[in-house]
């Protein structure tokens, strides 16, 4: 079963959010509906997907999500959006 890493962006908050899921479209809807009451995405209502990258397993998606979050870098996230193949390089080095 495929899994995805995704990056959302909110214009009003000027923030990015990184997550993983098996269904990016449904997950975006959940974020917009504030399904996750304590989630960071409750700060805005205008999230949209900037990047969806399919990977072969949930483990790979979780690894990438944690890797990106550990970087704590807006510029790194923007580099990923511009060049998603960086995610493949990260997985290949894992």
C-alpha atoms as a PDB file:
ATOM      1  CA  UNK A   1       0.000   0.000   0.000  1.00  0.00           C
ATOM      2  CA  UNK A   2       1.348   3.398  -0.957  1.00  0.00           C
ATOM      3  CA  UNK A   3       2.018   6.094   1.555  1.00  0.00           C
ATOM      4  CA  UNK A   4       2.728   9.782   1.123  1.00  0.00           C
ATOM      5  CA  UNK A   5       4.697  12.570   2.702  1.00  0.00           C
ATOM      6  CA  UNK A   6       3.060  15.938   2.183  1.00  0.00           C
ATOM      7  CA  UNK A   7       3.764  19.586   2.820  1.00  0.00           C
ATOM      8  CA  UNK A   8       0.949  22.065   3.387  1.00  0.00           C
ATOM      9  CA  UNK A   9       1.197  25.835   3.275  1.00  0.00           C
ATOM     10  CA  UNK A  10      -1.053  28.533   4.726  1.00  0.00           C
ATOM     11  CA  UNK A  11      -0.905  31.986   3.153  1.00  0.00           C
ATOM     12  CA  UNK A  12      -2.623  33.647   6.112  1.00  0.00           C
ATOM     13  CA  UNK A  13      -0.264  32.119   8.686  1.00  0.00           C
ATOM     14  CA  UNK A  14       2.744  32.073   6.307  1.00  0.00           C
ATOM     15  CA  UNK A  15       3.609  28.636   7.702  1.00  0.00           C
ATOM     16  CA  UNK A  16       4.349  25.146   6.420  1.00  0.00           C
ATOM     17  CA  UNK A  17       3.165  21.857   7.863  1.00  0.00           C
ATOM     18  CA  UNK A  18       4.748  18.460   7.148  1.00  0.00           C
ATOM     19  CA  UNK A  19       2.864  15.184   7.548  1.00  0.00           C
ATOM     20  CA  UNK A  20       2.415  11.649   6.258  1.00  0.00           C
ATOM     21  CA  UNK A  21      -0.687   9.758   5.211  1.00  0.00           C
ATOM     22  CA  UNK A  22      -2.115   7.050   2.976  1.00  0.00           C
ATOM     23  CA  UNK A  23      -4.660   9.515   1.507  1.00  0.00           C
ATOM     24  CA  UNK A  24      -3.408  13.092   0.944  1.00  0.00           C
ATOM     25  CA  UNK A  25      -6.742  14.466  -0.303  1.00  0.00           C
ATOM     26  CA  UNK A  26      -8.661  13.198   2.706  1.00  0.00           C
ATOM     27  CA  UNK A  27      -5.915  14.328   5.086  1.00  0.00           C
ATOM     28  CA  UNK A  28      -6.052  17.875   3.673  1.00  0.00           C
ATOM     29  CA  UNK A  29      -9.823  17.883   4.217  1.00  0.00           C
ATOM     30  CA  UNK A  30      -9.285  16.747   7.822  1.00  0.00           C
ATOM     31  CA  UNK A  31      -6.814  19.592   8.400  1.00  0.00           C
ATOM     32  CA  UNK A  32      -9.188  22.154   6.885  1.00  0.00           C
ATOM     33  CA  UNK A  33     -12.097  20.818   8.988  1.00  0.00           C
ATOM     34  CA  UNK A  34      -9.884  20.956  12.123  1.00  0.00           C
ATOM     35  CA  UNK A  35     -10.511  17.246  12.648  1.00  0.00           C
ATOM     36  CA  UNK A  36      -7.297  17.129  14.702  1.00  0.00           C
ATOM     37  CA  UNK A  37      -8.239  19.472  17.559  1.00  0.00           C
ATOM     38  CA  UNK A  38      -4.731  19.810  18.993  1.00  0.00           C
ATOM     39  CA  UNK A  39      -2.928  19.815  15.649  1.00  0.00           C
ATOM     40  CA  UNK A  40      -0.744  22.711  14.561  1.00  0.00           C
ATOM     41  CA  UNK A  41      -2.911  23.255  11.482  1.00  0.00           C
ATOM     42  CA  UNK A  42      -5.766  24.636  13.603  1.00  0.00           C
ATOM     43  CA  UNK A  43      -4.026  28.045  13.357  1.00  0.00           C
ATOM     44  CA  UNK A  44      -5.371  28.601   9.820  1.00  0.00           C
ATOM     45  CA  UNK A  45      -8.178  27.695   7.411  1.00  0.00           C
ATOM     46  CA  UNK A  46      -6.407  28.138   4.082  1.00  0.00           C
ATOM     47  CA  UNK A  47      -3.987  25.195   3.966  1.00  0.00           C
ATOM     48  CA  UNK A  48      -3.141  23.870   0.533  1.00  0.00           C
ATOM     49  CA  UNK A  49      -0.824  21.129  -0.649  1.00  0.00           C
ATOM     50  CA  UNK A  50       2.571  22.331  -1.846  1.00  0.00           C
ATOM     51  CA  UNK A  51       4.117  18.862  -2.149  1.00  0.00           C
ATOM     52  CA  UNK A  52       2.896  15.273  -2.256  1.00  0.00           C
ATOM     53  CA  UNK A  53       5.523  12.579  -2.604  1.00  0.00           C
ATOM     54  CA  UNK A  54       4.519   8.945  -2.842  1.00  0.00           C
ATOM     55  CA  UNK A  55       6.779   6.412  -1.137  1.00  0.00           C
ATOM     56  CA  UNK A  56       6.597   2.642  -0.948  1.00  0.00           C
ATOM     57  CA  UNK A  57       5.823   2.222   2.760  1.00  0.00           C
ATOM     58  CA  UNK A  58       4.491   3.935   5.855  1.00  0.00           C
ATOM     59  CA  UNK A  59       7.912   3.466   7.435  1.00  0.00           C
ATOM     60  CA  UNK A  60       9.547   5.504   4.636  1.00  0.00           C
ATOM     61  CA  UNK A  61       6.896   8.227   4.932  1.00  0.00           C
ATOM     62  CA  UNK A  62       7.317   8.466   8.713  1.00  0.00           C
ATOM     63  CA  UNK A  63      11.115   8.527   8.342  1.00  0.00           C
ATOM     64  CA  UNK A  64      10.935  11.391   5.840  1.00  0.00           C
ATOM     65  CA  UNK A  65       8.391  13.313   7.914  1.00  0.00           C
ATOM     66  CA  UNK A  66      10.598  13.093  11.001  1.00  0.00           C
ATOM     67  CA  UNK A  67      13.722  13.949   9.010  1.00  0.00           C
ATOM     68  CA  UNK A  68      12.141  17.108   7.588  1.00  0.00           C
ATOM     69  CA  UNK A  69      10.689  18.164  10.953  1.00  0.00           C
ATOM     70  CA  UNK A  70      14.059  17.639  12.681  1.00  0.00           C
ATOM     71  CA  UNK A  71      15.651  20.042  10.198  1.00  0.00           C
ATOM     72  CA  UNK A  72      13.452  22.861  11.575  1.00  0.00           C
ATOM     73  CA  UNK A  73      14.228  24.798   8.417  1.00  0.00           C
ATOM     74  CA  UNK A  74      11.847  26.766   6.244  1.00  0.00           C
ATOM     75  CA  UNK A  75      14.515  27.056   3.542  1.00  0.00           C
ATOM     76  CA  UNK A  76      14.970  23.258   3.538  1.00  0.00           C
ATOM     77  CA  UNK A  77      11.210  22.765   3.128  1.00  0.00           C
ATOM     78  CA  UNK A  78      11.175  25.244   0.247  1.00  0.00           C
ATOM     79  CA  UNK A  79      14.095  23.379  -1.389  1.00  0.00           C
ATOM     80  CA  UNK A  80      12.084  20.142  -1.126  1.00  0.00           C
ATOM     81  CA  UNK A  81       9.086  21.800  -2.759  1.00  0.00           C
ATOM     82  CA  UNK A  82      11.295  23.052  -5.606  1.00  0.00           C
ATOM     83  CA  UNK A  83      13.132  19.730  -5.950  1.00  0.00           C
ATOM     84  CA  UNK A  84      11.232  16.723  -4.503  1.00  0.00           C
ATOM     85  CA  UNK A  85      13.945  14.301  -5.685  1.00  0.00           C
ATOM     86  CA  UNK A  86      15.881  15.361  -2.572  1.00  0.00           C
ATOM     87  CA  UNK A  87      13.476  13.108  -0.647  1.00  0.00           C
ATOM     88  CA  UNK A  88      14.584  10.124  -2.726  1.00  0.00           C
ATOM     89  CA  UNK A  89      18.214  10.976  -1.966  1.00  0.00           C
ATOM     90  CA  UNK A  90      17.420  11.065   1.766  1.00  0.00           C
ATOM     91  CA  UNK A  91      15.739   7.644   1.580  1.00  0.00           C
ATOM     92  CA  UNK A  92      18.599   6.168  -0.440  1.00  0.00           C
ATOM     93  CA  UNK A  93      21.072   7.254   2.247  1.00  0.00           C
ATOM     94  CA  UNK A  94      18.941   5.773   5.036  1.00  0.00           C
END
